[in-house]
Amino acid sequence: MWQADLTVVERELTLAATSPGMEHLRDLAADLRAKALIAAGEAGRECGGVRRGTV
């Protein structure tokens, strides 16, 4: 087939922002979201052959 590499970025606590019982985890959830966005961006740039700082 395509023989493509796959990078999966997982994020935990996705419902913490909207679930009343998880309000104590909202700061952690926001931190995990930010880290996941960074990891996804890096994976996308790597897949596209773009090095950081060139775009």
N, C-alpha and C. Protein backbone atom coordinates (compact mmCIF):
# COMPACT_ATOMS: atom_id res chain seq x y z
N MET A 1 0.83 -1.18 0.00
CA MET A 1 0.00 0.00 0.00
C MET A 1 0.88 1.25 0.00
N TRP A 2 0.65 2.16 0.94
CA TRP A 2 1.38 3.42 0.96
C TRP A 2 2.67 3.35 1.74
N GLN A 3 2.79 2.38 2.63
CA GLN A 3 3.95 2.22 3.50
C GLN A 3 4.26 3.51 4.27
N ALA A 4 3.22 4.12 4.79
CA ALA A 4 3.37 5.37 5.54
C ALA A 4 3.57 5.09 7.02
N ASP A 5 4.34 5.93 7.67
CA ASP A 5 4.48 5.87 9.12
C ASP A 5 3.28 6.57 9.74
N LEU A 6 2.86 6.07 10.87
CA LEU A 6 1.71 6.64 11.56
C LEU A 6 2.11 7.08 12.96
N THR A 7 1.77 8.29 13.29
CA THR A 7 1.99 8.80 14.64
C THR A 7 0.63 9.08 15.26
N VAL A 8 0.37 8.49 16.40
CA VAL A 8 -0.89 8.70 17.11
C VAL A 8 -0.61 9.55 18.34
N VAL A 9 -1.33 10.62 18.46
CA VAL A 9 -1.21 11.49 19.64
C VAL A 9 -2.48 11.32 20.45
N GLU A 10 -2.34 10.80 21.65
CA GLU A 10 -3.49 10.58 22.52
C GLU A 10 -3.56 11.68 23.57
N ARG A 11 -4.78 11.98 23.97
CA ARG A 11 -4.97 13.00 25.00
C ARG A 11 -5.96 12.48 26.01
N GLU A 12 -5.62 12.59 27.26
CA GLU A 12 -6.48 12.13 28.35
C GLU A 12 -7.34 13.29 28.87
N LEU A 13 -8.33 12.95 29.63
CA LEU A 13 -9.19 13.92 30.34
C LEU A 13 -9.92 14.87 29.39
N THR A 14 -10.39 14.38 28.27
CA THR A 14 -11.04 15.24 27.29
C THR A 14 -12.38 15.79 27.77
N LEU A 15 -12.99 15.17 28.76
CA LEU A 15 -14.29 15.64 29.26
C LEU A 15 -14.19 16.49 30.51
N ALA A 16 -12.98 16.72 30.98
CA ALA A 16 -12.82 17.45 32.24
C ALA A 16 -13.37 18.87 32.17
N ALA A 17 -13.30 19.49 31.02
CA ALA A 17 -13.77 20.88 30.89
C ALA A 17 -15.29 21.00 31.00
N THR A 18 -16.00 19.92 30.72
CA THR A 18 -17.46 20.00 30.71
C THR A 18 -18.14 19.13 31.75
N SER A 19 -17.40 18.30 32.46
CA SER A 19 -18.00 17.40 33.45
C SER A 19 -17.88 18.00 34.85
N PRO A 20 -19.00 18.23 35.51
CA PRO A 20 -18.96 18.84 36.83
C PRO A 20 -18.12 18.06 37.85
N GLY A 21 -18.10 16.76 37.78
CA GLY A 21 -17.35 15.97 38.73
C GLY A 21 -15.85 15.96 38.49
N MET A 22 -15.42 16.57 37.40
CA MET A 22 -13.99 16.57 37.05
C MET A 22 -13.36 17.95 37.13
N GLU A 23 -14.03 18.88 37.79
CA GLU A 23 -13.51 20.25 37.82
C GLU A 23 -12.13 20.35 38.44
N HIS A 24 -11.80 19.44 39.35
CA HIS A 24 -10.48 19.45 39.98
C HIS A 24 -9.37 19.01 39.02
N LEU A 25 -9.75 18.47 37.87
CA LEU A 25 -8.77 18.01 36.88
C LEU A 25 -8.63 18.96 35.69
N ARG A 26 -9.30 20.07 35.71
CA ARG A 26 -9.31 20.97 34.55
C ARG A 26 -7.95 21.56 34.22
N ASP A 27 -7.18 21.91 35.22
CA ASP A 27 -5.84 22.45 34.94
C ASP A 27 -4.95 21.39 34.30
N LEU A 28 -5.01 20.17 34.83
CA LEU A 28 -4.24 19.07 34.26
C LEU A 28 -4.70 18.78 32.83
N ALA A 29 -6.01 18.79 32.61
CA ALA A 29 -6.55 18.54 31.27
C ALA A 29 -6.07 19.60 30.28
N ALA A 30 -6.03 20.85 30.70
CA ALA A 30 -5.57 21.93 29.83
C ALA A 30 -4.09 21.75 29.48
N ASP A 31 -3.30 21.33 30.46
CA ASP A 31 -1.88 21.07 30.22
C ASP A 31 -1.69 19.91 29.24
N LEU A 32 -2.45 18.84 29.44
CA LEU A 32 -2.36 17.69 28.54
C LEU A 32 -2.80 18.05 27.13
N ARG A 33 -3.81 18.91 27.01
CA ARG A 33 -4.27 19.36 25.69
C ARG A 33 -3.18 20.15 24.98
N ALA A 34 -2.54 21.06 25.70
CA ALA A 34 -1.47 21.86 25.10
C ALA A 34 -0.32 20.98 24.63
N LYS A 35 0.05 19.99 25.45
CA LYS A 35 1.13 19.08 25.07
C LYS A 35 0.74 18.24 23.85
N ALA A 36 -0.52 17.81 23.79
CA ALA A 36 -0.98 17.02 22.64
C ALA A 36 -0.97 17.85 21.37
N LEU A 37 -1.36 19.11 21.47
CA LEU A 37 -1.33 19.98 20.29
C LEU A 37 0.10 20.18 19.78
N ILE A 38 1.03 20.33 20.69
CA ILE A 38 2.44 20.47 20.29
C ILE A 38 2.91 19.19 19.62
N ALA A 39 2.60 18.04 20.21
CA ALA A 39 3.02 16.76 19.64
C ALA A 39 2.39 16.53 18.27
N ALA A 40 1.13 16.89 18.11
CA ALA A 40 0.46 16.74 16.82
C ALA A 40 1.09 17.66 15.76
N GLY A 41 1.41 18.87 16.16
CA GLY A 41 2.05 19.80 15.22
C GLY A 41 3.41 19.31 14.78
N GLU A 42 4.18 18.78 15.72
CA GLU A 42 5.50 18.25 15.39
C GLU A 42 5.38 17.04 14.47
N ALA A 43 4.40 16.16 14.74
CA ALA A 43 4.20 15.00 13.89
C ALA A 43 3.78 15.42 12.48
N GLY A 44 2.93 16.42 12.39
CA GLY A 44 2.50 16.92 11.09
C GLY A 44 3.63 17.53 10.30
N ARG A 45 4.47 18.31 10.97
CA ARG A 45 5.62 18.90 10.28
C ARG A 45 6.59 17.81 9.82
N GLU A 46 6.79 16.81 10.66
CA GLU A 46 7.69 15.71 10.29
C GLU A 46 7.14 14.94 9.10
N CYS A 47 5.85 14.72 9.11
CA CYS A 47 5.20 14.00 8.01
C CYS A 47 5.31 14.80 6.71
N GLY A 48 5.19 16.11 6.83
CA GLY A 48 5.27 16.98 5.67
C GLY A 48 6.69 17.34 5.27
N GLY A 49 7.66 16.89 6.05
CA GLY A 49 9.04 17.16 5.72
C GLY A 49 9.49 18.58 6.04
N VAL A 50 8.76 19.24 6.93
CA VAL A 50 9.10 20.62 7.31
C VAL A 50 9.79 20.60 8.67
N ARG A 51 10.94 21.22 8.74
CA ARG A 51 11.64 21.30 10.02
C ARG A 51 11.17 22.50 10.81
N ARG A 52 11.23 22.39 12.13
CA ARG A 52 10.78 23.47 13.00
C ARG A 52 11.62 24.71 12.75
N GLY A 53 10.98 25.84 12.72
CA GLY A 53 11.67 27.11 12.53
C GLY A 53 11.75 27.53 11.06
N THR A 54 11.28 26.67 10.16
CA THR A 54 11.36 27.02 8.75
C THR A 54 10.03 27.53 8.22
N VAL A 55 8.97 27.41 9.04
CA VAL A 55 7.65 27.88 8.59
C VAL A 55 7.17 28.94 9.53
